[in-house]
C-alpha atoms as a PDB file:
ATOM      1  CA  MET A   1     -37.496 -16.518 -10.458  1.00  0.00           C
ATOM      2  CA  ILE A   2     -34.390 -16.008 -12.578  1.00  0.00           C
ATOM      3  CA  ILE A   3     -31.520 -18.461 -12.106  1.00  0.00           C
ATOM      4  CA  ALA A   4     -28.212 -18.105 -13.905  1.00  0.00           C
ATOM      5  CA  SER A   5     -25.190 -20.348 -14.254  1.00  0.00           C
ATOM      6  CA  TRP A   6     -21.727 -19.191 -15.319  1.00  0.00           C
ATOM      7  CA  ASN A   7     -18.347 -20.844 -15.517  1.00  0.00           C
ATOM      8  CA  CYS A   8     -16.392 -17.780 -14.443  1.00  0.00           C
ATOM      9  CA  ARG A   9     -12.943 -19.414 -14.755  1.00  0.00           C
ATOM     10  CA  GLY A  10     -11.687 -17.915 -11.502  1.00  0.00           C
ATOM     11  CA  ALA A  11     -13.237 -15.530  -8.975  1.00  0.00           C
ATOM     12  CA  ASP A  12     -10.096 -13.924  -7.554  1.00  0.00           C
ATOM     13  CA  ARG A  13      -9.770 -11.054 -10.028  1.00  0.00           C
ATOM     14  CA  ARG A  14      -9.947  -7.589  -8.542  1.00  0.00           C
ATOM     15  CA  SER A  15     -12.771  -6.534 -10.868  1.00  0.00           C
ATOM     16  CA  PHE A  16     -14.779  -9.725 -10.302  1.00  0.00           C
ATOM     17  CA  PRO A  17     -17.323  -8.314  -7.778  1.00  0.00           C
ATOM     18  CA  LEU A  18     -18.191  -5.424 -10.072  1.00  0.00           C
ATOM     19  CA  THR A  19     -18.494  -7.776 -13.045  1.00  0.00           C
ATOM     20  CA  ILE A  20     -20.923  -9.920 -11.061  1.00  0.00           C
ATOM     21  CA  LYS A  21     -22.922  -6.846 -10.062  1.00  0.00           C
ATOM     22  CA  ASP A  22     -23.210  -5.820 -13.712  1.00  0.00           C
ATOM     23  CA  ILE A  23     -24.284  -9.342 -14.740  1.00  0.00           C
ATOM     24  CA  VAL A  24     -26.867  -9.614 -11.968  1.00  0.00           C
ATOM     25  CA  ASN A  25     -28.286  -6.191 -12.736  1.00  0.00           C
ATOM     26  CA  LYS A  26     -28.399  -6.729 -16.508  1.00  0.00           C
ATOM     27  CA  TYR A  27     -30.185 -10.090 -16.351  1.00  0.00           C
ATOM     28  CA  CYS A  28     -32.198  -9.417 -13.139  1.00  0.00           C
ATOM     29  CA  ILE A  29     -30.750 -12.554 -11.524  1.00  0.00           C
ATOM     30  CA  ASN A  30     -32.238 -13.824  -8.255  1.00  0.00           C
ATOM     31  CA  ILE A  31     -30.093 -16.939  -7.830  1.00  0.00           C
ATOM     32  CA  LEU A  32     -26.590 -17.170  -9.260  1.00  0.00           C
ATOM     33  CA  CYS A  33     -24.524 -20.322  -9.680  1.00  0.00           C
ATOM     34  CA  LEU A  34     -20.795 -19.728 -10.223  1.00  0.00           C
ATOM     35  CA  LEU A  35     -18.718 -22.621 -11.525  1.00  0.00           C
ATOM     36  CA  GLU A  36     -14.975 -23.114 -11.396  1.00  0.00           C
ATOM     37  CA  PRO A  37     -14.214 -20.165  -9.082  1.00  0.00           C
ATOM     38  CA  CYS A  38     -10.864 -21.878  -8.427  1.00  0.00           C
ATOM     39  CA  ILE A  39     -10.546 -20.551  -4.874  1.00  0.00           C
ATOM     40  CA  SER A  40     -11.734 -21.957  -1.562  1.00  0.00           C
ATOM     41  CA  GLY A  41     -11.698 -21.426   2.194  1.00  0.00           C
ATOM     42  CA  ASP A  42     -11.276 -17.934   3.626  1.00  0.00           C
ATOM     43  CA  ARG A  43     -10.366 -16.458   0.232  1.00  0.00           C
ATOM     44  CA  ALA A  44     -13.652 -17.711  -1.219  1.00  0.00           C
ATOM     45  CA  ASP A  45     -15.692 -16.335   1.693  1.00  0.00           C
ATOM     46  CA  LYS A  46     -13.963 -12.966   1.327  1.00  0.00           C
ATOM     47  CA  VAL A  47     -14.980 -12.793  -2.342  1.00  0.00           C
ATOM     48  CA  CYS A  48     -18.555 -13.954  -1.607  1.00  0.00           C
ATOM     49  CA  ARG A  49     -18.969 -11.155   0.929  1.00  0.00           C
ATOM     50  CA  ARG A  50     -18.125  -8.637  -1.805  1.00  0.00           C
ATOM     51  CA  LEU A  51     -20.738  -9.963  -4.208  1.00  0.00           C
ATOM     52  CA  CYS A  52     -24.275  -8.557  -4.351  1.00  0.00           C
ATOM     53  CA  PHE A  53     -26.029 -11.331  -2.405  1.00  0.00           C
ATOM     54  CA  SER A  54     -26.761 -11.911   1.260  1.00  0.00           C
ATOM     55  CA  HIS A  55     -26.375 -15.728   1.377  1.00  0.00           C
ATOM     56  CA  TRP A  56     -24.323 -18.418  -0.321  1.00  0.00           C
ATOM     57  CA  ILE A  57     -23.430 -22.105  -0.285  1.00  0.00           C
ATOM     58  CA  ARG A  58     -20.137 -23.408  -1.644  1.00  0.00           C
ATOM     59  CA  VAL A  59     -18.721 -26.712  -2.851  1.00  0.00           C
ATOM     60  CA  GLU A  60     -15.008 -26.204  -2.382  1.00  0.00           C
ATOM     61  CA  ALA A  61     -12.633 -26.096  -5.320  1.00  0.00           C
ATOM     62  CA  SER A  62     -10.133 -28.922  -5.593  1.00  0.00           C
ATOM     63  CA  GLY A  63      -6.841 -27.105  -5.386  1.00  0.00           C
ATOM     64  CA  PHE A  64      -6.956 -24.431  -8.080  1.00  0.00           C
ATOM     65  CA  SER A  65      -9.712 -26.038 -10.169  1.00  0.00           C
ATOM     66  CA  GLY A  66     -13.425 -26.701  -9.901  1.00  0.00           C
ATOM     67  CA  GLY A  67     -15.835 -25.516  -7.242  1.00  0.00           C
ATOM     68  CA  ILE A  68     -19.561 -24.652  -7.244  1.00  0.00           C
ATOM     69  CA  TRP A  69     -21.073 -21.601  -5.567  1.00  0.00           C
ATOM     70  CA  VAL A  70     -24.742 -20.668  -5.321  1.00  0.00           C
ATOM     71  CA  LEU A  71     -25.638 -17.165  -4.123  1.00  0.00           C
ATOM     72  CA  TRP A  72     -29.008 -15.549  -3.397  1.00  0.00           C
ATOM     73  CA  ASP A  73     -30.852 -12.907  -1.370  1.00  0.00           C
ATOM     74  CA  ASN A  74     -32.760 -14.333   1.548  1.00  0.00           C
ATOM     75  CA  ASP A  75     -35.545 -11.742   1.467  1.00  0.00           C
ATOM     76  CA  THR A  76     -37.252 -13.471  -1.478  1.00  0.00           C
ATOM     77  CA  PHE A  77     -35.819 -16.993  -1.559  1.00  0.00           C
ATOM     78  CA  ASP A  78     -34.881 -19.546   1.052  1.00  0.00           C
ATOM     79  CA  ILE A  79     -32.354 -22.103  -0.223  1.00  0.00           C
ATOM     80  CA  THR A  80     -31.657 -25.253   1.767  1.00  0.00           C
ATOM     81  CA  TYR A  81     -28.626 -27.426   1.184  1.00  0.00           C
ATOM     82  CA  LEU A  82     -29.582 -31.051   0.534  1.00  0.00           C
ATOM     83  CA  SER A  83     -26.471 -32.790  -0.783  1.00  0.00           C
ATOM     84  CA  SER A  84     -23.316 -32.260  -2.789  1.00  0.00           C
ATOM     85  CA  SER A  85     -20.363 -33.902  -4.444  1.00  0.00           C
ATOM     86  CA  THR A  86     -17.333 -32.551  -6.272  1.00  0.00           C
ATOM     87  CA  GLN A  87     -19.541 -32.273  -9.390  1.00  0.00           C
ATOM     88  CA  THR A  88     -23.000 -31.359  -8.030  1.00  0.00           C
ATOM     89  CA  LEU A  89     -24.700 -29.086  -5.521  1.00  0.00           C
ATOM     90  CA  HIS A  90     -28.310 -30.107  -4.837  1.00  0.00           C
ATOM     91  CA  CYS A  91     -30.623 -27.631  -3.093  1.00  0.00           C
ATOM     92  CA  GLN A  92     -34.243 -26.984  -2.239  1.00  0.00           C
ATOM     93  CA  VAL A  93     -35.501 -23.532  -3.241  1.00  0.00           C
ATOM     94  CA  TYR A  94     -38.485 -21.948  -1.540  1.00  0.00           C
ATOM     95  CA  ASP A  95     -39.937 -18.907  -3.326  1.00  0.00           C
ATOM     96  CA  ARG A  96     -41.682 -16.596  -0.856  1.00  0.00           C
ATOM     97  CA  THR A  97     -43.472 -14.661  -3.603  1.00  0.00           C
ATOM     98  CA  ASN A  98     -45.703 -17.612  -4.512  1.00  0.00           C
ATOM     99  CA  ASN A  99     -45.050 -20.141  -1.696  1.00  0.00           C
ATOM    100  CA  SER A 100     -43.582 -22.663  -4.138  1.00  0.00           C
ATOM    101  CA  THR A 101     -40.802 -25.190  -3.584  1.00  0.00           C
ATOM    102  CA  SER A 102     -38.464 -26.547  -6.248  1.00  0.00           C
ATOM    103  CA  LEU A 103     -35.308 -28.606  -6.472  1.00  0.00           C
ATOM    104  CA  VAL A 104     -32.269 -27.174  -8.236  1.00  0.00           C
ATOM    105  CA  THR A 105     -29.088 -29.095  -8.998  1.00  0.00           C
ATOM    106  CA  MET A 106     -25.996 -27.158 -10.085  1.00  0.00           C
ATOM    107  CA  VAL A 107     -23.431 -29.148 -12.069  1.00  0.00           C
ATOM    108  CA  TYR A 108     -19.746 -28.788 -12.838  1.00  0.00           C
ATOM    109  CA  GLY A 109     -18.679 -31.937 -14.679  1.00  0.00           C
ATOM    110  CA  GLU A 110     -15.173 -33.333 -14.761  1.00  0.00           C
ATOM    111  CA  THR A 111     -13.301 -33.066 -18.038  1.00  0.00           C
ATOM    112  CA  THR A 112     -12.509 -36.762 -18.557  1.00  0.00           C
ATOM    113  CA  LEU A 113     -14.817 -39.616 -19.532  1.00  0.00           C
ATOM    114  CA  SER A 114     -14.204 -41.863 -16.520  1.00  0.00           C
ATOM    115  CA  SER A 115     -14.284 -38.979 -14.021  1.00  0.00           C
ATOM    116  CA  ARG A 116     -17.826 -38.078 -15.062  1.00  0.00           C
ATOM    117  CA  ASN A 117     -19.244 -41.496 -14.086  1.00  0.00           C
ATOM    118  CA  PRO A 118     -19.979 -40.311 -10.510  1.00  0.00           C
ATOM    119  CA  LEU A 119     -21.888 -37.362 -11.968  1.00  0.00           C
ATOM    120  CA  TRP A 120     -24.231 -39.597 -13.965  1.00  0.00           C
ATOM    121  CA  ASP A 121     -24.716 -41.880 -10.940  1.00  0.00           C
ATOM    122  CA  SER A 122     -25.469 -38.879  -8.743  1.00  0.00           C
ATOM    123  CA  LEU A 123     -28.140 -37.528 -11.119  1.00  0.00           C
ATOM    124  CA  ARG A 124     -29.783 -40.955 -11.343  1.00  0.00           C
ATOM    125  CA  SER A 125     -29.887 -41.162  -7.571  1.00  0.00           C
ATOM    126  CA  LEU A 126     -31.379 -37.668  -7.230  1.00  0.00           C
ATOM    127  CA  ALA A 127     -34.034 -38.421  -9.842  1.00  0.00           C
ATOM    128  CA  ILE A 128     -35.476 -41.266  -7.763  1.00  0.00           C
ATOM    129  CA  ASN A 129     -36.693 -38.877  -5.058  1.00  0.00           C
ATOM    130  CA  SER A 130     -37.365 -35.809  -7.227  1.00  0.00           C
ATOM    131  CA  THR A 131     -41.157 -35.540  -7.098  1.00  0.00           C
ATOM    132  CA  LEU A 132     -40.975 -31.753  -6.820  1.00  0.00           C
ATOM    133  CA  PRO A 133     -40.275 -29.485  -9.802  1.00  0.00           C
ATOM    134  CA  TRP A 134     -36.603 -30.110 -10.595  1.00  0.00           C
ATOM    135  CA  LEU A 135     -34.125 -28.013 -12.575  1.00  0.00           C
ATOM    136  CA  VAL A 136     -30.609 -29.172 -13.460  1.00  0.00           C
ATOM    137  CA  LEU A 137     -28.124 -26.717 -14.939  1.00  0.00           C
ATOM    138  CA  GLY A 138     -24.413 -26.065 -15.271  1.00  0.00           C
ATOM    139  CA  ASP A 139     -21.253 -26.913 -17.162  1.00  0.00           C
ATOM    140  CA  PHE A 140     -21.322 -30.652 -17.837  1.00  0.00           C
ATOM    141  CA  ASN A 141     -18.102 -30.642 -19.899  1.00  0.00           C
ATOM    142  CA  ALA A 142     -19.840 -33.170 -22.163  1.00  0.00           C
ATOM    143  CA  PHE A 143     -21.558 -33.372 -25.543  1.00  0.00           C
ATOM    144  CA  MET A 144     -24.798 -35.102 -26.448  1.00  0.00           C
ATOM    145  CA  SER A 145     -24.259 -35.010 -30.211  1.00  0.00           C
ATOM    146  CA  PRO A 146     -21.375 -34.480 -32.667  1.00  0.00           C
ATOM    147  CA  THR A 147     -23.089 -31.226 -33.669  1.00  0.00           C
ATOM    148  CA  ASP A 148     -22.366 -29.864 -30.187  1.00  0.00           C
ATOM    149  CA  LYS A 149     -18.778 -29.232 -31.270  1.00  0.00           C
ATOM    150  CA  LEU A 150     -17.495 -27.112 -34.136  1.00  0.00           C
ATOM    151  CA  GLY A 151     -13.811 -27.530 -34.941  1.00  0.00           C
ATOM    152  CA  GLY A 152     -11.100 -29.726 -33.445  1.00  0.00           C
ATOM    153  CA  ALA A 153     -11.271 -33.484 -32.922  1.00  0.00           C
ATOM    154  CA  ALA A 154     -14.630 -35.250 -33.053  1.00  0.00           C
ATOM    155  CA  PRO A 155     -16.321 -35.975 -29.678  1.00  0.00           C
ATOM    156  CA  LEU A 156     -16.000 -39.457 -28.207  1.00  0.00           C
ATOM    157  CA  TRP A 157     -19.018 -41.619 -28.957  1.00  0.00           C
ATOM    158  CA  ALA A 158     -18.819 -43.346 -25.542  1.00  0.00           C
ATOM    159  CA  SER A 159     -18.914 -40.006 -23.732  1.00  0.00           C
ATOM    160  CA  MET A 160     -21.980 -38.828 -25.662  1.00  0.00           C
ATOM    161  CA  GLN A 161     -23.756 -42.133 -25.082  1.00  0.00           C
ATOM    162  CA  GLN A 162     -23.167 -41.966 -21.318  1.00  0.00           C
ATOM    163  CA  PHE A 163     -24.628 -38.469 -21.234  1.00  0.00           C
ATOM    164  CA  ARG A 164     -27.699 -39.433 -23.300  1.00  0.00           C
ATOM    165  CA  ASP A 165     -28.277 -42.575 -21.220  1.00  0.00           C
ATOM    166  CA  CYS A 166     -28.234 -40.529 -18.014  1.00  0.00           C
ATOM    167  CA  ILE A 167     -30.783 -38.017 -19.324  1.00  0.00           C
ATOM    168  CA  ASP A 168     -33.027 -40.863 -20.518  1.00  0.00           C
ATOM    169  CA  ASP A 169     -32.737 -42.738 -17.220  1.00  0.00           C
ATOM    170  CA  THR A 170     -33.634 -39.651 -15.186  1.00  0.00           C
ATOM    171  CA  SER A 171     -36.577 -38.699 -17.470  1.00  0.00           C
ATOM    172  CA  LEU A 172     -35.189 -35.189 -17.770  1.00  0.00           C
ATOM    173  CA  LEU A 173     -36.298 -32.920 -20.598  1.00  0.00           C
ATOM    174  CA  GLU A 174     -34.128 -30.538 -22.620  1.00  0.00           C
ATOM    175  CA  PRO A 175     -35.845 -27.172 -23.121  1.00  0.00           C
ATOM    176  CA  MET A 176     -35.487 -24.990 -26.198  1.00  0.00           C
ATOM    177  CA  VAL A 177     -32.586 -22.547 -25.960  1.00  0.00           C
ATOM    178  CA  HIS A 178     -32.550 -18.950 -27.194  1.00  0.00           C
ATOM    179  CA  GLY A 179     -29.296 -17.452 -28.427  1.00  0.00           C
ATOM    180  CA  ASP A 180     -26.129 -19.030 -29.759  1.00  0.00           C
ATOM    181  CA  LYS A 181     -26.189 -22.812 -29.446  1.00  0.00           C
ATOM    182  CA  PHE A 182     -22.555 -23.028 -28.344  1.00  0.00           C
ATOM    183  CA  THR A 183     -21.658 -22.009 -24.799  1.00  0.00           C
ATOM    184  CA  TRP A 184     -17.846 -22.186 -24.988  1.00  0.00           C
ATOM    185  CA  GLU A 185     -15.680 -20.553 -27.608  1.00  0.00           C
ATOM    186  CA  LYS A 186     -11.977 -19.940 -28.026  1.00  0.00           C
ATOM    187  CA  GLU A 187     -10.059 -18.968 -31.159  1.00  0.00           C
ATOM    188  CA  GLY A 188     -12.758 -20.243 -33.496  1.00  0.00           C
ATOM    189  CA  LEU A 189     -13.354 -23.546 -31.672  1.00  0.00           C
ATOM    190  CA  LYS A 190     -16.952 -23.754 -30.432  1.00  0.00           C
ATOM    191  CA  GLU A 191     -18.501 -26.262 -28.038  1.00  0.00           C
ATOM    192  CA  ARG A 192     -21.761 -26.706 -26.190  1.00  0.00           C
ATOM    193  CA  LEU A 193     -20.696 -27.643 -22.678  1.00  0.00           C
ATOM    194  CA  ASP A 194     -23.380 -25.912 -20.587  1.00  0.00           C
ATOM    195  CA  TRP A 195     -26.822 -27.501 -20.363  1.00  0.00           C
ATOM    196  CA  VAL A 196     -30.213 -27.039 -18.731  1.00  0.00           C
ATOM    197  CA  PHE A 197     -32.653 -29.876 -18.043  1.00  0.00           C
ATOM    198  CA  ASN A 198     -35.944 -30.088 -16.176  1.00  0.00           C
ATOM    199  CA  ASN A 199     -38.430 -32.728 -15.122  1.00  0.00           C
ATOM    200  CA  LEU A 200     -42.086 -32.784 -16.122  1.00  0.00           C
ATOM    201  CA  ASN A 201     -43.213 -31.264 -12.812  1.00  0.00           C
ATOM    202  CA  TRP A 202     -41.006 -28.221 -13.438  1.00  0.00           C
ATOM    203  CA  LEU A 203     -42.564 -27.779 -16.876  1.00  0.00           C
ATOM    204  CA  ASN A 204     -46.079 -28.139 -15.468  1.00  0.00           C
ATOM    205  CA  TYR A 205     -45.399 -25.517 -12.809  1.00  0.00           C
ATOM    206  CA  HIS A 206     -43.407 -23.180 -15.072  1.00  0.00           C
ATOM    207  CA  PRO A 207     -44.934 -23.655 -18.548  1.00  0.00           C
ATOM    208  CA  ASN A 208     -43.556 -20.349 -19.859  1.00  0.00           C
ATOM    209  CA  PHE A 209     -39.986 -20.659 -18.599  1.00  0.00           C
ATOM    210  CA  THR A 210     -37.167 -19.710 -20.951  1.00  0.00           C
ATOM    211  CA  VAL A 211     -33.468 -20.543 -21.299  1.00  0.00           C
ATOM    212  CA  ARG A 212     -31.043 -18.107 -22.884  1.00  0.00           C
ATOM    213  CA  HIS A 213     -27.338 -18.318 -23.711  1.00  0.00           C
ATOM    214  CA  GLU A 214     -26.078 -14.817 -22.993  1.00  0.00           C
ATOM    215  CA  LEU A 215     -22.725 -13.020 -23.275  1.00  0.00           C
ATOM    216  CA  LYS A 216     -19.427 -14.481 -22.060  1.00  0.00           C
ATOM    217  CA  PHE A 217     -18.213 -11.409 -20.110  1.00  0.00           C
ATOM    218  CA  LYS A 218     -14.591 -12.107 -21.135  1.00  0.00           C
ATOM    219  CA  SER A 219     -14.793 -15.694 -19.967  1.00  0.00           C
ATOM    220  CA  ASP A 220     -14.672 -18.541 -22.474  1.00  0.00           C
ATOM    221  CA  ASN A 221     -18.146 -19.593 -21.277  1.00  0.00           C
ATOM    222  CA  ARG A 222     -21.483 -17.930 -21.845  1.00  0.00           C
ATOM    223  CA  ILE A 223     -23.838 -17.095 -19.015  1.00  0.00           C
ATOM    224  CA  VAL A 224     -26.899 -19.361 -19.042  1.00  0.00           C
ATOM    225  CA  VAL A 225     -30.050 -17.618 -17.776  1.00  0.00           C
ATOM    226  CA  VAL A 226     -33.224 -19.498 -16.821  1.00  0.00           C
ATOM    227  CA  ASN A 227     -36.336 -17.378 -16.314  1.00  0.00           C
ATOM    228  CA  SER A 228     -39.170 -19.323 -14.725  1.00  0.00           C
ATOM    229  CA  SER A 229     -41.760 -16.759 -15.883  1.00  0.00           C
ATOM    230  CA  LEU A 230     -42.146 -13.987 -18.441  1.00  0.00           C
ATOM    231  CA  SER A 231     -41.865 -11.232 -15.864  1.00  0.00           C
ATOM    232  CA  SER A 232     -38.771  -9.858 -14.172  1.00  0.00           C
ATOM    233  CA  GLN A 233     -37.946  -7.117 -11.734  1.00  0.00           C
ATOM    234  CA  ARG A 234     -34.728  -5.226 -12.228  1.00  0.00           C
ATOM    235  CA  ARG A 235     -32.455  -5.058  -9.217  1.00  0.00           C
ATOM    236  CA  SER A 236     -31.118  -1.660  -8.260  1.00  0.00           C
ATOM    237  CA  PHE A 237     -27.784  -0.822  -6.715  1.00  0.00           C
ATOM    238  CA  GLN A 238     -26.566   2.190  -4.909  1.00  0.00           C
ATOM    239  CA  LYS A 239     -23.995   4.058  -7.014  1.00  0.00           C
ATOM    240  CA  THR A 240     -21.050   6.079  -5.791  1.00  0.00           C
ATOM    241  CA  PHE A 241     -18.727   8.181  -7.898  1.00  0.00           C
ATOM    242  CA  SER A 242     -15.586  10.301  -7.420  1.00  0.00           C
ATOM    243  CA  TYR A 243     -13.300  11.612 -10.079  1.00  0.00           C
ATOM    244  CA  GLN A 244      -9.598  11.757  -9.396  1.00  0.00           C
ATOM    245  CA  ILE A 245      -8.526   8.129  -8.970  1.00  0.00           C
ATOM    246  CA  ALA A 246     -10.431   6.863 -11.994  1.00  0.00           C
ATOM    247  CA  TRP A 247      -8.961   9.606 -14.175  1.00  0.00           C
ATOM    248  CA  THR A 248      -5.450   8.253 -13.706  1.00  0.00           C
ATOM    249  CA  LEU A 249      -6.271   5.153 -15.779  1.00  0.00           C
ATOM    250  CA  GLU A 250      -6.870   7.286 -18.884  1.00  0.00           C
ATOM    251  CA  ASN A 251      -3.804   7.690 -21.091  1.00  0.00           C
ATOM    252  CA  ASP A 252      -4.361  11.377 -21.793  1.00  0.00           C
ATOM    253  CA  PHE A 253      -4.902  12.424 -18.162  1.00  0.00           C
ATOM    254  CA  LYS A 254      -1.205  13.264 -17.724  1.00  0.00           C
ATOM    255  CA  ASP A 255      -1.335  15.569 -20.746  1.00  0.00           C
ATOM    256  CA  LEU A 256      -4.441  17.261 -19.349  1.00  0.00           C
ATOM    257  CA  THR A 257      -2.654  17.905 -16.060  1.00  0.00           C
ATOM    258  CA  THR A 258       0.470  19.292 -17.735  1.00  0.00           C
ATOM    259  CA  GLU A 259      -1.483  21.631 -20.003  1.00  0.00           C
ATOM    260  CA  ALA A 260      -3.589  22.949 -17.093  1.00  0.00           C
ATOM    261  CA  TRP A 261      -0.545  24.456 -15.332  1.00  0.00           C
ATOM    262  CA  GLN A 262       1.527  25.328 -18.372  1.00  0.00           C
ATOM    263  CA  GLY A 263       2.587  29.008 -18.131  1.00  0.00           C
ATOM    264  CA  LYS A 264       0.403  29.613 -15.063  1.00  0.00           C
ATOM    265  CA  ASN A 265       0.965  30.027 -11.347  1.00  0.00           C
ATOM    266  CA  TRP A 266      -0.323  27.381  -8.969  1.00  0.00           C
ATOM    267  CA  LEU A 267      -3.687  29.005  -8.191  1.00  0.00           C
ATOM    268  CA  ASP A 268      -4.522  29.880 -11.815  1.00  0.00           C
ATOM    269  CA  GLY A 269      -3.410  26.424 -12.905  1.00  0.00           C
ATOM    270  CA  LEU A 270      -5.608  24.796 -10.256  1.00  0.00           C
ATOM    271  CA  GLN A 271      -8.669  26.737 -11.413  1.00  0.00           C
ATOM    272  CA  ASN A 272      -7.895  25.884 -15.036  1.00  0.00           C
ATOM    273  CA  PHE A 273      -7.439  22.217 -14.130  1.00  0.00           C
ATOM    274  CA  HIS A 274     -10.755  22.176 -12.293  1.00  0.00           C
ATOM    275  CA  ARG A 275     -12.654  23.491 -15.328  1.00  0.00           C
ATOM    276  CA  SER A 276     -10.741  21.393 -17.868  1.00  0.00           C
ATOM    277  CA  ALA A 277     -10.949  18.200 -15.848  1.00  0.00           C
ATOM    278  CA  LEU A 278     -14.727  18.386 -15.406  1.00  0.00           C
ATOM    279  CA  GLU A 279     -15.269  19.010 -19.105  1.00  0.00           C
ATOM    280  CA  TRP A 280     -12.784  16.268 -20.001  1.00  0.00           C
ATOM    281  CA  ASN A 281     -14.525  13.855 -17.632  1.00  0.00           C
ATOM    282  CA  ASP A 282     -17.889  14.413 -19.322  1.00  0.00           C
ATOM    283  CA  ASN A 283     -16.391  13.814 -22.759  1.00  0.00           C
ATOM    284  CA  ARG A 284     -13.739  11.194 -22.023  1.00  0.00           C
ATOM    285  CA  VAL A 285     -14.688   9.280 -18.874  1.00  0.00           C
ATOM    286  CA  GLY A 286     -18.361  10.048 -18.353  1.00  0.00           C
ATOM    287  CA  ASN A 287     -20.823   7.909 -16.450  1.00  0.00           C
ATOM    288  CA  PHE A 288     -19.473   4.417 -15.749  1.00  0.00           C
ATOM    289  CA  THR A 289     -22.850   2.711 -16.037  1.00  0.00           C
ATOM    290  CA  SER A 290     -23.631   4.401 -19.331  1.00  0.00           C
ATOM    291  CA  ARG A 291     -20.206   3.564 -20.776  1.00  0.00           C
ATOM    292  CA  LYS A 292     -20.523  -0.094 -19.807  1.00  0.00           C
ATOM    293  CA  LYS A 293     -24.017  -0.332 -21.281  1.00  0.00           C
ATOM    294  CA  LYS A 294     -22.761   1.065 -24.594  1.00  0.00           C
ATOM    295  CA  ILE A 295     -19.931  -1.474 -24.673  1.00  0.00           C
ATOM    296  CA  ILE A 296     -22.295  -4.335 -23.826  1.00  0.00           C
ATOM    297  CA  ARG A 297     -24.663  -3.280 -26.615  1.00  0.00           C
ATOM    298  CA  ARG A 298     -21.775  -3.428 -29.107  1.00  0.00           C
ATOM    299  CA  LEU A 299     -20.743  -6.847 -27.777  1.00  0.00           C
ATOM    300  CA  GLU A 300     -24.304  -8.107 -28.110  1.00  0.00           C
ATOM    301  CA  GLY A 301     -24.320  -6.853 -31.683  1.00  0.00           C
ATOM    302  CA  ILE A 302     -21.148  -8.823 -32.413  1.00  0.00           C
ATOM    303  CA  ASP A 303     -22.718 -11.864 -30.792  1.00  0.00           C
ATOM    304  CA  ARG A 304     -25.839 -11.622 -32.964  1.00  0.00           C
ATOM    305  CA  SER A 305     -23.772 -11.060 -36.094  1.00  0.00           C
ATOM    306  CA  ARG A 306     -21.630 -14.082 -35.364  1.00  0.00           C
ATOM    307  CA  SER A 307     -24.682 -16.287 -34.826  1.00  0.00           C
ATOM    308  CA  MET A 308     -25.996 -15.187 -38.223  1.00  0.00           C
ATOM    309  CA  ASN A 309     -22.561 -15.606 -39.840  1.00  0.00           C
ATOM    310  CA  LEU A 310     -22.447 -11.935 -40.762  1.00  0.00           C
ATOM    311  CA  GLN A 311     -18.970 -11.597 -39.302  1.00  0.00           C
ATOM    312  CA  SER A 312     -16.436 -14.356 -39.659  1.00  0.00           C
ATOM    313  CA  SER A 313     -13.682 -13.203 -37.297  1.00  0.00           C
ATOM    314  CA  PRO A 314     -14.708 -10.400 -34.894  1.00  0.00           C
ATOM    315  CA  PHE A 315     -12.391 -11.696 -32.166  1.00  0.00           C
ATOM    316  CA  ARG A 316      -9.995  -8.741 -32.177  1.00  0.00           C
ATOM    317  CA  LEU A 317     -12.791  -6.213 -31.861  1.00  0.00           C
ATOM    318  CA  GLU A 318     -14.490  -8.339 -29.213  1.00  0.00           C
ATOM    319  CA  LYS A 319     -11.269  -8.536 -27.194  1.00  0.00           C
ATOM    320  CA  LYS A 320     -10.748  -4.781 -27.524  1.00  0.00           C
ATOM    321  CA  LEU A 321     -14.272  -4.104 -26.270  1.00  0.00           C
ATOM    322  CA  TRP A 322     -13.896  -6.481 -23.326  1.00  0.00           C
ATOM    323  CA  ASP A 323     -10.584  -4.793 -22.417  1.00  0.00           C
ATOM    324  CA  GLU A 324     -12.350  -1.431 -22.517  1.00  0.00           C
ATOM    325  CA  TYR A 325     -15.209  -2.821 -20.411  1.00  0.00           C
ATOM    326  CA  HIS A 326     -12.842  -4.064 -17.709  1.00  0.00           C
ATOM    327  CA  LYS A 327     -10.949  -0.782 -17.704  1.00  0.00           C
ATOM    328  CA  VAL A 328     -14.204   1.053 -17.029  1.00  0.00           C
ATOM    329  CA  ALA A 329     -15.104  -1.500 -14.345  1.00  0.00           C
ATOM    330  CA  THR A 330     -11.720  -0.948 -12.687  1.00  0.00           C
ATOM    331  CA  GLN A 331     -12.257   2.818 -12.771  1.00  0.00           C
ATOM    332  CA  GLU A 332     -15.645   2.344 -11.133  1.00  0.00           C
ATOM    333  CA  GLU A 333     -14.157   0.104  -8.455  1.00  0.00           C
ATOM    334  CA  ILE A 334     -11.435   2.510  -7.352  1.00  0.00           C
ATOM    335  CA  THR A 335     -13.681   5.560  -7.124  1.00  0.00           C
END
């Protein structure tokens, strides 16, 4: 079972469904928690229907902020809604592959100290009845230690103490994390806002589970991926492809068209365009999946270099690569 949490900072972008498909396919995600989609009602359901899952549960956004979605495929997992608040979504997860049942709580914490009090109370209440394996994950918008923030003003001691007291009171454990420690980054300011916790029963049942902080996919927040075992099965998606519409997003497509008919009649120009366009597509546009994988590999390289302090300011290159990634995703969407 692979569960992922991501503060997507809005789910209403045109390219969002394709971005989610790429994320799910790359990390083999079975259950996806999306935080702060910032849309609700019919608009939210319309977006959910375009994502690569058969079922979902939503905690509505408050106006244009907040919201918690959990999405999954019902052929392998059966997820039952148990309770929710504006900051939590608590579910029971039944895994048909091994007939196991777990509790999973998705969290999107408020940004102010006093507003997070209901979150801590809610987790304490859930812990009382959590005899099953229990996983808690999401964006808590809170620090546990001053080292969870790099740059800017120092974290509030009272806020950190409230967070630590809640984790102690609920007997939750913090697993080791692979990847960059910080989960939010903007213009050199780094913060660890996303967290994963588990109870002892979860650890006993999933002794080899891992937690990774993955790429940000042009959000300010990293994707957090929890793998309950060492094995994974890659999801596959049916691909479609057509040329002409996607070509129009390339800057040199107009020049290609002009040159194809230059000094030629319509029929000769059409034949020349056909040959030139196919060759140009192989060299310039190519396979969307392959192009995106190459971009992601470069972004992962930047991410590793940054974590090892080999590059001090790769933000311009990172932004350029993400812009290129979303251009390719848009081309794929309109074909």
